[in-house]
């Protein structure tokens, strides 16, 4: 399993394990940008790769559209009609 869980309480307790597909892409971009512009930290690069692999493996529907949310494991939950 890969990707990032984002619904955490202030103490780090997981509140929800569903994953936002948009956030996976945004996190991959942000972490990759940090590696390129701040310093090449291995943990940032690994986290970015995790998000990209999760997107490629679980977040694309057969018609090429991306899901909006998926389960922790990557099963589709919701597809939006708009393009963003």
Protein backbone atom coordinates (compact mmCIF):
# COMPACT_ATOMS: atom_id res chain seq x y z
CA UNK A 1 0.00 0.00 0.00
CA UNK A 2 1.19 3.49 -0.76
CA UNK A 3 -0.03 7.04 -0.85
CA UNK A 4 -0.82 9.38 2.01
CA UNK A 5 -3.63 9.36 4.57
CA UNK A 6 -4.67 12.94 5.29
CA UNK A 7 -7.49 12.76 7.82
CA UNK A 8 -5.54 12.90 11.07
CA UNK A 9 -6.42 14.33 14.46
CA UNK A 10 -4.03 16.78 16.15
CA UNK A 11 -2.35 13.91 18.00
CA UNK A 12 -1.84 11.90 14.79
CA UNK A 13 -4.77 9.54 15.31
CA UNK A 14 -6.26 8.45 11.98
CA UNK A 15 -9.81 9.79 11.63
CA UNK A 16 -10.57 8.44 8.16
CA UNK A 17 -8.60 6.17 5.84
CA UNK A 18 -10.21 7.23 2.55
CA UNK A 19 -7.68 8.92 0.29
CA UNK A 20 -8.18 12.06 -1.74
CA UNK A 21 -6.81 11.49 -5.24
CA UNK A 22 -6.19 15.21 -5.75
CA UNK A 23 -4.14 15.33 -2.57
CA UNK A 24 -1.97 12.40 -3.67
CA UNK A 25 -0.97 14.37 -6.78
CA UNK A 26 -0.51 17.61 -4.88
CA UNK A 27 1.68 15.92 -2.27
CA UNK A 28 3.81 14.26 -4.97
CA UNK A 29 4.32 17.65 -6.64
CA UNK A 30 5.14 19.42 -3.36
CA UNK A 31 7.58 16.77 -2.16
CA UNK A 32 9.29 16.60 -5.55
CA UNK A 33 9.62 20.38 -5.58
CA UNK A 34 11.21 20.29 -2.11
CA UNK A 35 13.74 17.72 -3.34
CA UNK A 36 14.59 19.91 -6.34
CA UNK A 37 14.67 23.30 -4.61
CA UNK A 38 15.50 22.81 -0.92
CA UNK A 39 17.58 19.66 -0.57
CA UNK A 40 17.48 16.10 -1.89
CA UNK A 41 16.14 14.31 1.18
CA UNK A 42 15.54 10.61 0.61
CA UNK A 43 12.38 10.59 2.78
CA UNK A 44 10.78 13.34 0.64
CA UNK A 45 11.66 11.52 -2.56
CA UNK A 46 10.32 8.20 -1.23
CA UNK A 47 7.07 9.85 -0.14
CA UNK A 48 6.66 11.48 -3.57
CA UNK A 49 7.26 8.14 -5.29
CA UNK A 50 4.72 6.50 -2.99
CA UNK A 51 2.05 9.00 -4.04
CA UNK A 52 2.86 8.68 -7.75
CA UNK A 53 2.82 4.88 -7.63
CA UNK A 54 -0.50 4.96 -5.77
CA UNK A 55 -1.97 7.30 -8.40
CA UNK A 56 -0.76 5.17 -11.30
CA UNK A 57 -1.89 1.89 -9.76
CA UNK A 58 -5.23 2.78 -8.16
CA UNK A 59 -6.62 6.15 -9.19
CA UNK A 60 -7.30 5.89 -12.92
CA UNK A 61 -10.58 4.48 -14.22
CA UNK A 62 -10.74 2.39 -17.39
CA UNK A 63 -11.98 5.43 -19.35
CA UNK A 64 -8.89 7.45 -18.35
CA UNK A 65 -10.65 9.66 -15.82
CA UNK A 66 -9.34 9.87 -12.28
CA UNK A 67 -11.39 9.01 -9.24
CA UNK A 68 -12.05 11.70 -6.64
CA UNK A 69 -11.62 9.46 -3.60
CA UNK A 70 -10.51 5.88 -3.07
CA UNK A 71 -10.20 3.58 -0.08
CA UNK A 72 -6.97 3.15 1.83
CA UNK A 73 -6.21 0.16 -0.39
CA UNK A 74 -7.14 2.04 -3.58
CA UNK A 75 -10.64 0.76 -4.36
CA UNK A 76 -12.76 3.45 -6.08
CA UNK A 77 -15.23 5.36 -3.92
CA UNK A 78 -16.25 8.43 -5.86
CA UNK A 79 -15.94 9.83 -9.36
CA UNK A 80 -16.67 13.50 -10.02
CA UNK A 81 -18.14 14.79 -13.26
CA UNK A 82 -16.00 17.91 -13.59
CA UNK A 83 -12.46 17.81 -14.91
CA UNK A 84 -10.58 19.31 -11.95
